[in-house]
C-alpha atoms as a PDB file:
ATOM      1  CA  MET A   1     -15.712   1.099  22.210  1.00  0.00           C
ATOM      2  CA  SER A   2     -15.064   0.248  18.600  1.00  0.00           C
ATOM      3  CA  PRO A   3     -12.043  -1.880  17.749  1.00  0.00           C
ATOM      4  CA  LYS A   4      -9.018  -0.082  16.325  1.00  0.00           C
ATOM      5  CA  ALA A   5      -7.673  -0.919  12.895  1.00  0.00           C
ATOM      6  CA  PRO A   6      -5.512  -4.054  13.264  1.00  0.00           C
ATOM      7  CA  ARG A   7      -1.852  -4.213  12.400  1.00  0.00           C
ATOM      8  CA  SER A   8      -0.112  -6.838  10.249  1.00  0.00           C
ATOM      9  CA  SER A   9       0.602 -10.251  11.739  1.00  0.00           C
ATOM     10  CA  GLY A  10       3.818 -12.256  11.725  1.00  0.00           C
ATOM     11  CA  GLY A  11       5.160 -15.252   9.836  1.00  0.00           C
ATOM     12  CA  ARG A  12       4.188 -18.917  10.063  1.00  0.00           C
ATOM     13  CA  GLY A  13       6.141 -21.141  12.331  1.00  0.00           C
ATOM     14  CA  GLN A  14       6.165 -24.894  12.825  1.00  0.00           C
ATOM     15  CA  GLY A  15       4.034 -26.795  15.327  1.00  0.00           C
ATOM     16  CA  ARG A  16       1.798 -25.415  18.055  1.00  0.00           C
ATOM     17  CA  PRO A  17       3.043 -22.333  19.909  1.00  0.00           C
ATOM     18  CA  GLN A  18       3.924 -22.747  23.598  1.00  0.00           C
ATOM     19  CA  ARG A  19       1.247 -21.367  25.896  1.00  0.00           C
ATOM     20  CA  SER A  20       2.544 -19.434  28.848  1.00  0.00           C
ATOM     21  CA  ASP A  21      -0.805 -18.290  30.180  1.00  0.00           C
ATOM     22  CA  ARG A  22      -2.619 -21.497  31.121  1.00  0.00           C
ATOM     23  CA  PRO A  23      -5.077 -21.184  34.030  1.00  0.00           C
ATOM     24  CA  SER A  24      -3.733 -22.062  37.428  1.00  0.00           C
ATOM     25  CA  THR A  25      -7.055 -23.365  38.694  1.00  0.00           C
ATOM     26  CA  GLY A  26      -9.590 -25.797  37.395  1.00  0.00           C
ATOM     27  CA  GLY A  27     -12.862 -24.941  35.819  1.00  0.00           C
ATOM     28  CA  ARG A  28     -13.829 -24.781  32.205  1.00  0.00           C
ATOM     29  CA  PRO A  29     -15.618 -21.647  31.072  1.00  0.00           C
ATOM     30  CA  SER A  30     -17.606 -21.789  27.910  1.00  0.00           C
ATOM     31  CA  GLY A  31     -19.042 -19.299  25.461  1.00  0.00           C
ATOM     32  CA  LYS A  32     -22.656 -18.365  25.962  1.00  0.00           C
ATOM     33  CA  SER A  33     -25.135 -17.889  23.195  1.00  0.00           C
ATOM     34  CA  GLY A  34     -26.560 -14.409  23.244  1.00  0.00           C
ATOM     35  CA  GLY A  35     -28.076 -11.993  20.819  1.00  0.00           C
ATOM     36  CA  ARG A  36     -26.799 -11.635  17.316  1.00  0.00           C
ATOM     37  CA  PRO A  37     -23.665  -9.473  17.058  1.00  0.00           C
ATOM     38  CA  GLN A  38     -24.150  -6.077  15.516  1.00  0.00           C
ATOM     39  CA  GLN A  39     -22.715  -5.560  12.083  1.00  0.00           C
ATOM     40  CA  GLY A  40     -19.818  -3.071  11.947  1.00  0.00           C
ATOM     41  CA  GLY A  41     -17.197  -1.668   9.565  1.00  0.00           C
ATOM     42  CA  PRO A  42     -12.191  -2.059   8.613  1.00  0.00           C
ATOM     43  CA  LYS A  43       4.655  -0.309   7.256  1.00  0.00           C
ATOM     44  CA  GLY A  44       5.878  -2.621   5.455  1.00  0.00           C
ATOM     45  CA  THR A  45       9.207  -4.197   4.701  1.00  0.00           C
ATOM     46  CA  GLY A  46      10.965  -3.079   1.578  1.00  0.00           C
ATOM     47  CA  GLY A  47      12.137  -5.656  -0.949  1.00  0.00           C
ATOM     48  CA  LYS A  48      14.986  -5.522  -3.396  1.00  0.00           C
ATOM     49  CA  ALA A  49      14.397  -3.677  -6.625  1.00  0.00           C
ATOM     50  CA  ALA A  50      14.403  -6.020  -9.585  1.00  0.00           C
ATOM     51  CA  PRO A  51      17.138  -5.537 -12.166  1.00  0.00           C
ATOM     52  CA  GLY A  52      15.802  -3.837 -15.246  1.00  0.00           C
ATOM     53  CA  ALA A  53      12.858  -2.200 -13.450  1.00  0.00           C
ATOM     54  CA  ARG A  54      12.109   1.085 -15.169  1.00  0.00           C
ATOM     55  CA  ARG A  55      12.167   3.917 -12.689  1.00  0.00           C
ATOM     56  CA  GLY A  56       9.004   5.969 -12.584  1.00  0.00           C
ATOM     57  CA  SER A  57       7.188   3.886 -15.218  1.00  0.00           C
ATOM     58  CA  ALA A  58       4.267   2.920 -12.973  1.00  0.00           C
ATOM     59  CA  LYS A  59       4.098   6.411 -11.523  1.00  0.00           C
ATOM     60  CA  ARG A  60       3.429   8.013 -14.890  1.00  0.00           C
ATOM     61  CA  MET A  61       0.462   5.748 -15.545  1.00  0.00           C
ATOM     62  CA  THR A  62      -1.039   6.220 -12.109  1.00  0.00           C
ATOM     63  CA  ASP A  63      -0.690   9.996 -11.821  1.00  0.00           C
ATOM     64  CA  ASN A  64      -4.005  11.582 -10.832  1.00  0.00           C
ATOM     65  CA  VAL A  65      -5.779   8.221 -10.914  1.00  0.00           C
ATOM     66  CA  LYS A  66      -7.999   7.698  -7.901  1.00  0.00           C
ATOM     67  CA  PRO A  67      -8.626   4.194  -6.505  1.00  0.00           C
ATOM     68  CA  ALA A  68     -11.555   2.572  -8.264  1.00  0.00           C
ATOM     69  CA  PRO A  69     -14.670   2.411  -6.064  1.00  0.00           C
ATOM     70  CA  GLN A  70     -15.515  -1.138  -5.064  1.00  0.00           C
ATOM     71  CA  PRO A  71     -19.139  -2.271  -4.939  1.00  0.00           C
ATOM     72  CA  PRO A  72     -20.345  -2.900  -1.388  1.00  0.00           C
ATOM     73  CA  ARG A  73     -19.945  -6.588  -0.633  1.00  0.00           C
ATOM     74  CA  ARG A  74     -20.951  -7.790   2.757  1.00  0.00           C
ATOM     75  CA  GLY A  75     -19.580 -11.112   3.817  1.00  0.00           C
ATOM     76  CA  PRO A  76     -21.775 -13.658   5.542  1.00  0.00           C
ATOM     77  CA  GLY A  77     -20.303 -12.620   8.897  1.00  0.00           C
ATOM     78  CA  PRO A  78     -19.570 -15.190  11.555  1.00  0.00           C
ATOM     79  CA  VAL A  79     -20.625 -18.739  10.797  1.00  0.00           C
ATOM     80  CA  LYS A  80     -23.476 -19.726  13.067  1.00  0.00           C
ATOM     81  CA  ALA A  81     -22.548 -22.497  15.439  1.00  0.00           C
ATOM     82  CA  HIS A  82     -24.865 -25.155  16.795  1.00  0.00           C
ATOM     83  CA  PRO A  83     -26.559 -24.121  20.030  1.00  0.00           C
ATOM     84  CA  GLY A  84     -24.473 -24.997  23.051  1.00  0.00           C
ATOM     85  CA  THR A  85     -21.191 -25.298  21.139  1.00  0.00           C
ATOM     86  CA  ASP A  86     -18.251 -25.110  23.542  1.00  0.00           C
ATOM     87  CA  VAL A  87     -15.561 -22.901  22.015  1.00  0.00           C
ATOM     88  CA  HIS A  88     -13.287 -22.999  25.064  1.00  0.00           C
ATOM     89  CA  ASP A  89      -9.837 -24.546  24.568  1.00  0.00           C
ATOM     90  CA  PRO A  90      -8.154 -25.251  27.957  1.00  0.00           C
ATOM     91  CA  GLU A  91      -4.734 -25.149  26.267  1.00  0.00           C
ATOM     92  CA  GLY A  92      -5.448 -21.891  24.471  1.00  0.00           C
ATOM     93  CA  VAL A  93      -4.936 -18.171  25.044  1.00  0.00           C
ATOM     94  CA  ARG A  94      -7.419 -15.913  26.802  1.00  0.00           C
ATOM     95  CA  LEU A  95      -9.760 -14.349  24.262  1.00  0.00           C
ATOM     96  CA  GLN A  96      -9.183 -10.771  25.404  1.00  0.00           C
ATOM     97  CA  LYS A  97      -5.419 -11.221  25.037  1.00  0.00           C
ATOM     98  CA  VAL A  98      -5.833 -12.589  21.493  1.00  0.00           C
ATOM     99  CA  LEU A  99      -8.009  -9.622  20.530  1.00  0.00           C
ATOM    100  CA  ALA A 100      -5.603  -7.090  22.032  1.00  0.00           C
ATOM    101  CA  GLN A 101      -2.661  -8.650  20.174  1.00  0.00           C
ATOM    102  CA  ALA A 102      -4.718  -8.490  16.954  1.00  0.00           C
ATOM    103  CA  GLY A 103      -5.142  -4.743  17.392  1.00  0.00           C
ATOM    104  CA  ALA A 104      -8.790  -4.702  18.445  1.00  0.00           C
ATOM    105  CA  GLY A 105      -7.973  -2.396  21.365  1.00  0.00           C
ATOM    106  CA  SER A 106      -6.461  -2.419  24.812  1.00  0.00           C
ATOM    107  CA  ARG A 107      -6.916  -5.492  27.000  1.00  0.00           C
ATOM    108  CA  ARG A 108      -9.530  -3.634  29.049  1.00  0.00           C
ATOM    109  CA  ALA A 109     -11.379  -2.463  25.935  1.00  0.00           C
ATOM    110  CA  CYS A 110     -11.424  -6.028  24.593  1.00  0.00           C
ATOM    111  CA  GLU A 111     -12.842  -7.288  27.879  1.00  0.00           C
ATOM    112  CA  GLU A 112     -15.657  -4.757  27.579  1.00  0.00           C
ATOM    113  CA  MET A 113     -16.354  -5.925  24.013  1.00  0.00           C
ATOM    114  CA  ILE A 114     -16.633  -9.509  25.229  1.00  0.00           C
ATOM    115  CA  THR A 115     -18.951  -8.785  28.170  1.00  0.00           C
ATOM    116  CA  ALA A 116     -21.114  -6.620  25.878  1.00  0.00           C
ATOM    117  CA  GLY A 117     -21.719  -9.624  23.601  1.00  0.00           C
ATOM    118  CA  ARG A 118     -19.928  -8.099  20.607  1.00  0.00           C
ATOM    119  CA  VAL A 119     -17.467 -10.975  20.115  1.00  0.00           C
ATOM    120  CA  THR A 120     -18.090 -14.375  18.554  1.00  0.00           C
ATOM    121  CA  VAL A 121     -15.793 -17.380  18.348  1.00  0.00           C
ATOM    122  CA  ASP A 122     -16.643 -19.901  15.626  1.00  0.00           C
ATOM    123  CA  GLY A 123     -20.061 -18.260  15.418  1.00  0.00           C
ATOM    124  CA  GLU A 124     -20.801 -18.538  19.143  1.00  0.00           C
ATOM    125  CA  VAL A 125     -21.292 -15.338  21.155  1.00  0.00           C
ATOM    126  CA  VAL A 126     -18.855 -15.270  24.065  1.00  0.00           C
ATOM    127  CA  THR A 127     -19.571 -13.096  27.112  1.00  0.00           C
ATOM    128  CA  GLU A 128     -17.309 -14.650  29.752  1.00  0.00           C
ATOM    129  CA  LEU A 129     -13.758 -13.393  30.227  1.00  0.00           C
ATOM    130  CA  GLY A 130     -12.256 -16.765  31.122  1.00  0.00           C
ATOM    131  CA  VAL A 131     -12.689 -18.306  27.689  1.00  0.00           C
ATOM    132  CA  ARG A 132      -9.484 -19.468  25.996  1.00  0.00           C
ATOM    133  CA  ILE A 133      -9.132 -20.131  22.263  1.00  0.00           C
ATOM    134  CA  ASP A 134      -6.629 -21.479  19.754  1.00  0.00           C
ATOM    135  CA  PRO A 135      -5.779 -18.604  17.369  1.00  0.00           C
ATOM    136  CA  THR A 136      -4.405 -21.022  14.762  1.00  0.00           C
ATOM    137  CA  ARG A 137      -7.709 -22.800  14.168  1.00  0.00           C
ATOM    138  CA  GLN A 138     -10.594 -20.720  15.533  1.00  0.00           C
ATOM    139  CA  VAL A 139     -12.335 -17.765  13.884  1.00  0.00           C
ATOM    140  CA  VAL A 140     -13.113 -14.562  15.790  1.00  0.00           C
ATOM    141  CA  HIS A 141     -15.477 -11.765  14.764  1.00  0.00           C
ATOM    142  CA  VAL A 142     -16.074  -8.419  16.483  1.00  0.00           C
ATOM    143  CA  ASP A 143     -19.301  -6.657  15.520  1.00  0.00           C
ATOM    144  CA  GLY A 144     -19.546  -9.036  12.555  1.00  0.00           C
ATOM    145  CA  MET A 145     -16.061  -8.223  11.205  1.00  0.00           C
ATOM    146  CA  ARG A 146     -13.457 -10.967  11.159  1.00  0.00           C
ATOM    147  CA  PHE A 147     -10.111 -10.340  12.856  1.00  0.00           C
ATOM    148  CA  SER A 148      -6.881 -11.945  11.710  1.00  0.00           C
ATOM    149  CA  ILE A 149      -5.691 -13.537  14.953  1.00  0.00           C
ATOM    150  CA  ASP A 150      -3.263 -16.122  13.610  1.00  0.00           C
ATOM    151  CA  ASP A 151       0.228 -14.639  13.846  1.00  0.00           C
ATOM    152  CA  GLU A 152       1.522 -17.353  11.519  1.00  0.00           C
ATOM    153  CA  LEU A 153      -0.363 -15.954   8.520  1.00  0.00           C
ATOM    154  CA  VAL A 154       1.531 -13.564   6.221  1.00  0.00           C
ATOM    155  CA  TYR A 155       0.141 -11.038   3.712  1.00  0.00           C
ATOM    156  CA  ILE A 156       2.543  -9.215   1.373  1.00  0.00           C
ATOM    157  CA  MET A 157       1.965  -6.796  -1.497  1.00  0.00           C
ATOM    158  CA  VAL A 158       4.463  -6.830  -4.390  1.00  0.00           C
ATOM    159  CA  ASN A 159       4.787  -4.408  -7.294  1.00  0.00           C
ATOM    160  CA  LYS A 160       5.864  -6.834 -10.020  1.00  0.00           C
ATOM    161  CA  PRO A 161       8.047  -5.221 -12.687  1.00  0.00           C
ATOM    162  CA  LYS A 162       7.937  -6.116 -16.364  1.00  0.00           C
ATOM    163  CA  GLY A 163      10.046  -9.203 -17.105  1.00  0.00           C
ATOM    164  CA  VAL A 164       9.415 -10.984 -13.779  1.00  0.00           C
ATOM    165  CA  VAL A 165       7.509 -14.289 -13.899  1.00  0.00           C
ATOM    166  CA  SER A 166       4.533 -14.713 -11.571  1.00  0.00           C
ATOM    167  CA  THR A 167       5.829 -17.812  -9.795  1.00  0.00           C
ATOM    168  CA  MET A 168       7.772 -18.461  -6.607  1.00  0.00           C
ATOM    169  CA  TYR A 169      10.349 -20.505  -8.558  1.00  0.00           C
ATOM    170  CA  ASP A 170      11.441 -20.636 -12.191  1.00  0.00           C
ATOM    171  CA  GLU A 171      13.339 -23.651 -13.509  1.00  0.00           C
ATOM    172  CA  ASP A 172      14.880 -21.486 -16.239  1.00  0.00           C
ATOM    173  CA  GLY A 173      16.417 -19.179 -13.664  1.00  0.00           C
ATOM    174  CA  ARG A 174      14.375 -16.122 -14.610  1.00  0.00           C
ATOM    175  CA  LEU A 175      13.532 -13.457 -12.052  1.00  0.00           C
ATOM    176  CA  ASN A 176      10.423 -14.488 -10.114  1.00  0.00           C
ATOM    177  CA  LEU A 177       8.313 -13.336  -7.188  1.00  0.00           C
ATOM    178  CA  ALA A 178      10.552 -15.042  -4.653  1.00  0.00           C
ATOM    179  CA  ASP A 179      13.342 -12.720  -5.776  1.00  0.00           C
ATOM    180  CA  MET A 180      11.113  -9.773  -4.918  1.00  0.00           C
ATOM    181  CA  VAL A 181      10.646 -10.786  -1.249  1.00  0.00           C
ATOM    182  CA  GLY A 182      13.875 -12.660  -0.530  1.00  0.00           C
ATOM    183  CA  PRO A 183      14.287 -15.901   1.475  1.00  0.00           C
ATOM    184  CA  ARG A 184      11.371 -16.654   3.807  1.00  0.00           C
ATOM    185  CA  GLU A 185      10.480 -19.509   6.139  1.00  0.00           C
ATOM    186  CA  GLU A 186       6.828 -19.567   5.091  1.00  0.00           C
ATOM    187  CA  ARG A 187       5.589 -21.193   1.935  1.00  0.00           C
ATOM    188  CA  LEU A 188       3.885 -18.313   0.147  1.00  0.00           C
ATOM    189  CA  PHE A 189       1.344 -18.509  -2.665  1.00  0.00           C
ATOM    190  CA  HIS A 190       0.684 -15.800  -5.229  1.00  0.00           C
ATOM    191  CA  VAL A 191      -2.902 -14.615  -5.563  1.00  0.00           C
ATOM    192  CA  GLY A 192      -3.461 -14.822  -9.302  1.00  0.00           C
ATOM    193  CA  ARG A 193      -0.885 -14.100 -11.987  1.00  0.00           C
ATOM    194  CA  LEU A 194       0.350 -11.313 -14.197  1.00  0.00           C
ATOM    195  CA  ASP A 195       1.927 -12.156 -17.534  1.00  0.00           C
ATOM    196  CA  LEU A 196       5.601 -11.449 -18.177  1.00  0.00           C
ATOM    197  CA  GLU A 197       4.945  -8.058 -19.810  1.00  0.00           C
ATOM    198  CA  THR A 198       2.373  -6.849 -17.267  1.00  0.00           C
ATOM    199  CA  GLU A 199       3.371  -4.865 -14.191  1.00  0.00           C
ATOM    200  CA  GLY A 200       1.711  -4.101 -10.906  1.00  0.00           C
ATOM    201  CA  LEU A 201       0.013  -5.482  -7.842  1.00  0.00           C
ATOM    202  CA  ILE A 202       0.361  -9.105  -6.768  1.00  0.00           C
ATOM    203  CA  LEU A 203      -0.448 -10.432  -3.303  1.00  0.00           C
ATOM    204  CA  LEU A 204       1.582 -13.183  -1.633  1.00  0.00           C
ATOM    205  CA  THR A 205       0.178 -15.085   1.351  1.00  0.00           C
ATOM    206  CA  ASN A 206       0.067 -18.440   3.117  1.00  0.00           C
ATOM    207  CA  ASP A 207      -3.652 -18.019   3.828  1.00  0.00           C
ATOM    208  CA  GLY A 208      -5.196 -20.664   1.579  1.00  0.00           C
ATOM    209  CA  ALA A 209      -8.848 -19.789   2.261  1.00  0.00           C
ATOM    210  CA  LEU A 210      -8.343 -16.125   1.392  1.00  0.00           C
ATOM    211  CA  THR A 211      -6.286 -16.978  -1.694  1.00  0.00           C
ATOM    212  CA  HIS A 212      -9.092 -19.155  -3.055  1.00  0.00           C
ATOM    213  CA  ARG A 213     -11.768 -16.514  -2.564  1.00  0.00           C
ATOM    214  CA  LEU A 214      -9.710 -13.687  -4.048  1.00  0.00           C
ATOM    215  CA  GLN A 215      -8.974 -15.716  -7.175  1.00  0.00           C
ATOM    216  CA  HIS A 216     -12.324 -17.369  -7.839  1.00  0.00           C
ATOM    217  CA  PRO A 217     -14.636 -15.205 -10.007  1.00  0.00           C
ATOM    218  CA  SER A 218     -17.739 -16.393  -8.126  1.00  0.00           C
ATOM    219  CA  PHE A 219     -16.729 -14.202  -5.169  1.00  0.00           C
ATOM    220  CA  GLY A 220     -16.620 -11.119  -7.410  1.00  0.00           C
ATOM    221  CA  VAL A 221     -13.410  -9.547  -6.090  1.00  0.00           C
ATOM    222  CA  GLN A 222     -12.547  -6.849  -8.597  1.00  0.00           C
ATOM    223  CA  LYS A 223      -9.142  -6.132 -10.141  1.00  0.00           C
ATOM    224  CA  THR A 224      -8.346  -2.712 -11.624  1.00  0.00           C
ATOM    225  CA  TYR A 225      -5.960  -2.230 -14.560  1.00  0.00           C
ATOM    226  CA  LEU A 226      -4.536   0.779 -16.377  1.00  0.00           C
ATOM    227  CA  ALA A 227      -3.770   0.142 -20.055  1.00  0.00           C
ATOM    228  CA  GLU A 228      -1.950   2.302 -22.598  1.00  0.00           C
ATOM    229  CA  VAL A 229      -3.331   1.948 -26.141  1.00  0.00           C
ATOM    230  CA  ARG A 230      -3.106   3.852 -29.401  1.00  0.00           C
ATOM    231  CA  GLY A 231      -5.620   6.670 -29.492  1.00  0.00           C
ATOM    232  CA  PRO A 232      -8.074   8.017 -30.117  1.00  0.00           C
ATOM    233  CA  VAL A 233     -10.531   5.632 -28.425  1.00  0.00           C
ATOM    234  CA  LYS A 234     -13.966   5.266 -29.989  1.00  0.00           C
ATOM    235  CA  ARG A 235     -16.889   6.434 -27.909  1.00  0.00           C
ATOM    236  CA  ASP A 236     -18.677   3.106 -27.775  1.00  0.00           C
ATOM    237  CA  LEU A 237     -15.666   1.096 -26.548  1.00  0.00           C
ATOM    238  CA  GLY A 238     -16.797   1.169 -22.922  1.00  0.00           C
ATOM    239  CA  ARG A 239     -20.366   0.245 -23.853  1.00  0.00           C
ATOM    240  CA  ASN A 240     -19.129  -2.699 -25.927  1.00  0.00           C
ATOM    241  CA  LEU A 241     -16.890  -4.003 -23.135  1.00  0.00           C
ATOM    242  CA  ARG A 242     -19.640  -3.716 -20.543  1.00  0.00           C
ATOM    243  CA  ALA A 243     -22.092  -5.479 -22.852  1.00  0.00           C
ATOM    244  CA  GLY A 244     -19.652  -8.352 -23.359  1.00  0.00           C
ATOM    245  CA  ILE A 245     -17.053  -9.480 -25.874  1.00  0.00           C
ATOM    246  CA  GLU A 246     -17.004 -12.990 -27.328  1.00  0.00           C
ATOM    247  CA  LEU A 247     -13.510 -14.474 -27.014  1.00  0.00           C
ATOM    248  CA  ASP A 248     -12.286 -17.893 -28.111  1.00  0.00           C
ATOM    249  CA  ASP A 249     -12.852 -19.262 -24.581  1.00  0.00           C
ATOM    250  CA  GLY A 250     -16.241 -17.641 -24.051  1.00  0.00           C
ATOM    251  CA  PRO A 251     -17.845 -14.229 -23.500  1.00  0.00           C
ATOM    252  CA  VAL A 252     -16.421 -11.689 -21.044  1.00  0.00           C
ATOM    253  CA  GLN A 253     -17.944  -8.539 -19.583  1.00  0.00           C
ATOM    254  CA  VAL A 254     -16.023  -5.849 -17.752  1.00  0.00           C
ATOM    255  CA  ASP A 255     -17.447  -4.378 -14.568  1.00  0.00           C
ATOM    256  CA  SER A 256     -16.308  -0.853 -15.430  1.00  0.00           C
ATOM    257  CA  PHE A 257     -14.448   1.069 -18.122  1.00  0.00           C
ATOM    258  CA  LYS A 258     -13.161   4.630 -18.082  1.00  0.00           C
ATOM    259  CA  LEU A 259     -11.029   6.828 -20.309  1.00  0.00           C
ATOM    260  CA  VAL A 260      -8.408   8.296 -17.967  1.00  0.00           C
ATOM    261  CA  ASP A 261      -6.298  10.347 -20.391  1.00  0.00           C
ATOM    262  CA  SER A 262      -6.165  10.989 -24.105  1.00  0.00           C
ATOM    263  CA  LYS A 263      -3.590  12.687 -26.357  1.00  0.00           C
ATOM    264  CA  PRO A 264      -2.977  12.512 -30.092  1.00  0.00           C
ATOM    265  CA  GLY A 265      -2.060   8.906 -30.841  1.00  0.00           C
ATOM    266  CA  TYR A 266      -2.296   7.832 -27.190  1.00  0.00           C
ATOM    267  CA  ALA A 267      -4.962   6.878 -24.646  1.00  0.00           C
ATOM    268  CA  LEU A 268      -4.892   5.637 -21.057  1.00  0.00           C
ATOM    269  CA  VAL A 269      -7.919   3.562 -20.062  1.00  0.00           C
ATOM    270  CA  GLU A 270      -9.029   1.950 -16.820  1.00  0.00           C
ATOM    271  CA  VAL A 271     -10.564  -1.528 -16.931  1.00  0.00           C
ATOM    272  CA  ILE A 272     -12.173  -3.173 -13.894  1.00  0.00           C
ATOM    273  CA  LEU A 273     -13.281  -6.802 -13.910  1.00  0.00           C
ATOM    274  CA  HIS A 274     -13.410  -9.840 -11.649  1.00  0.00           C
ATOM    275  CA  GLU A 275     -12.499 -12.393 -14.303  1.00  0.00           C
ATOM    276  CA  GLY A 276      -9.073 -13.993 -14.022  1.00  0.00           C
ATOM    277  CA  ARG A 277      -8.511 -15.664 -17.369  1.00  0.00           C
ATOM    278  CA  LYS A 278      -5.117 -15.586 -18.994  1.00  0.00           C
ATOM    279  CA  HIS A 279      -4.276 -12.276 -20.736  1.00  0.00           C
ATOM    280  CA  ILE A 280      -7.903 -11.267 -20.289  1.00  0.00           C
ATOM    281  CA  VAL A 281      -7.441  -7.465 -20.462  1.00  0.00           C
ATOM    282  CA  ARG A 282      -5.058  -7.642 -23.414  1.00  0.00           C
ATOM    283  CA  ARG A 283      -7.387  -9.959 -25.344  1.00  0.00           C
ATOM    284  CA  LEU A 284     -10.459  -7.830 -24.644  1.00  0.00           C
ATOM    285  CA  LEU A 285      -8.893  -4.620 -25.878  1.00  0.00           C
ATOM    286  CA  GLU A 286      -7.230  -6.266 -28.868  1.00  0.00           C
ATOM    287  CA  ALA A 287     -10.575  -7.773 -29.890  1.00  0.00           C
ATOM    288  CA  GLU A 288     -11.894  -4.208 -30.139  1.00  0.00           C
ATOM    289  CA  GLY A 289      -8.928  -3.063 -32.191  1.00  0.00           C
ATOM    290  CA  TYR A 290      -6.721  -1.640 -29.428  1.00  0.00           C
ATOM    291  CA  PRO A 291      -3.569  -3.713 -28.816  1.00  0.00           C
ATOM    292  CA  VAL A 292      -2.163  -2.939 -25.363  1.00  0.00           C
ATOM    293  CA  LEU A 293       1.153  -1.080 -25.280  1.00  0.00           C
ATOM    294  CA  LYS A 294       1.555  -1.209 -21.503  1.00  0.00           C
ATOM    295  CA  LEU A 295      -0.519  -2.768 -18.719  1.00  0.00           C
ATOM    296  CA  VAL A 296      -0.402  -2.236 -14.950  1.00  0.00           C
ATOM    297  CA  ARG A 297      -2.647  -3.745 -12.269  1.00  0.00           C
ATOM    298  CA  VAL A 298      -3.190  -1.002  -9.697  1.00  0.00           C
ATOM    299  CA  GLN A 299      -5.826  -2.441  -7.361  1.00  0.00           C
ATOM    300  CA  MET A 300      -7.222  -5.738  -6.058  1.00  0.00           C
ATOM    301  CA  GLY A 301     -10.419  -5.411  -4.053  1.00  0.00           C
ATOM    302  CA  PRO A 302      -9.719  -2.692  -1.454  1.00  0.00           C
ATOM    303  CA  ILE A 303      -5.911  -3.001  -1.753  1.00  0.00           C
ATOM    304  CA  VAL A 304      -4.342  -0.186  -3.807  1.00  0.00           C
ATOM    305  CA  LEU A 305      -0.823  -0.291  -5.273  1.00  0.00           C
ATOM    306  CA  GLY A 306      -0.308   3.386  -4.478  1.00  0.00           C
ATOM    307  CA  ASP A 307       3.259   4.682  -4.639  1.00  0.00           C
ATOM    308  CA  LEU A 308       4.964   1.308  -4.049  1.00  0.00           C
ATOM    309  CA  LYS A 309       7.843   1.263  -6.525  1.00  0.00           C
ATOM    310  CA  PRO A 310       8.409  -1.561  -9.046  1.00  0.00           C
ATOM    311  CA  GLY A 311      10.376  -4.423  -7.498  1.00  0.00           C
ATOM    312  CA  LYS A 312       9.452  -3.398  -3.941  1.00  0.00           C
ATOM    313  CA  ASN A 313       7.164  -5.096  -1.437  1.00  0.00           C
ATOM    314  CA  ARG A 314       5.490  -4.365   1.866  1.00  0.00           C
ATOM    315  CA  ARG A 315       3.356  -6.239   4.345  1.00  0.00           C
ATOM    316  CA  LEU A 316      -0.330  -5.426   4.486  1.00  0.00           C
ATOM    317  CA  THR A 317      -1.561  -3.682   7.596  1.00  0.00           C
ATOM    318  CA  ARG A 318      -4.042  -5.435   9.864  1.00  0.00           C
ATOM    319  CA  GLY A 319      -6.709  -3.066   8.585  1.00  0.00           C
ATOM    320  CA  GLU A 320      -6.003  -4.006   4.975  1.00  0.00           C
ATOM    321  CA  VAL A 321      -6.169  -7.708   5.835  1.00  0.00           C
ATOM    322  CA  GLN A 322      -9.484  -7.144   7.580  1.00  0.00           C
ATOM    323  CA  GLN A 323     -10.834  -5.308   4.508  1.00  0.00           C
ATOM    324  CA  LEU A 324      -9.699  -8.157   2.241  1.00  0.00           C
ATOM    325  CA  MET A 325     -11.466 -10.707   4.422  1.00  0.00           C
ATOM    326  CA  ALA A 326     -14.635  -8.635   4.357  1.00  0.00           C
ATOM    327  CA  VAL A 327     -14.700  -8.269   0.558  1.00  0.00           C
ATOM    328  CA  ALA A 328     -13.968 -12.004   0.215  1.00  0.00           C
ATOM    329  CA  GLY A 329     -16.867 -12.849   2.525  1.00  0.00           C
ATOM    330  CA  LEU A 330     -14.768 -14.342   5.322  1.00  0.00           C
END
């Protein structure tokens, strides 16, 4: 039975969670090394609308725009452990319970996955049902896909309006990302930045490993932008951007360019790239003679802004988190 799409996990607490399901008898099961696991495939809380957010502004730019296709990126899958590695934690939680809570399926279905050799813990295939693990430190894959099993990790999508700074605190008292999500116990980090005038998708999380991979250009996670410029747009603009533009801090190539809409004196273009330099989209288009009038980030990897209104936020579903981990190679 294939695992169901996982649902979003909860917030980070302090210290180690109390375990109420310790074994009543002795014995120490351990994971067995078996065959290689088969490779397989992947509502939120509303925030307060920011003052000054223009109603419907993002909607107009994203009308009839389909999510940009992402190139297939297969992560390395589970990290291979040394032969004989013991993944059992006597103080931990039974593996099938962890998987069921992560949305992999019912407890019985998860037990069948384990006995079939489809589950790995820290790279070690586990086939015994008595194995216990620590969800806060160990990594679990099912059919080669990583599951988010740590309930302390938080993943939030924010639609940043124009005029909001991309920080969790601003010493000048300006509206910032913390104002978009309200008071929280966890210490959240923003995945990348958008300049003051740019709107759109920003992710907030306390998952440091995922944050690093989503931001670093070497992992190739694409970001999709819609930009309004003065039209008409010359035919070779896309070819020039794909070939590379020399900026003052080095050359930049876009991964994709498309003309979405064009009217007299106006054009809407889509730019996809994995670079994360400051004002990169604005500088690229201005270098070609098209100063940006309005800019919205509508997609990051597999995560699409959709109809989330400016100033609002929602938690990512477990399936979306799983897709992010896959595209980031985790």
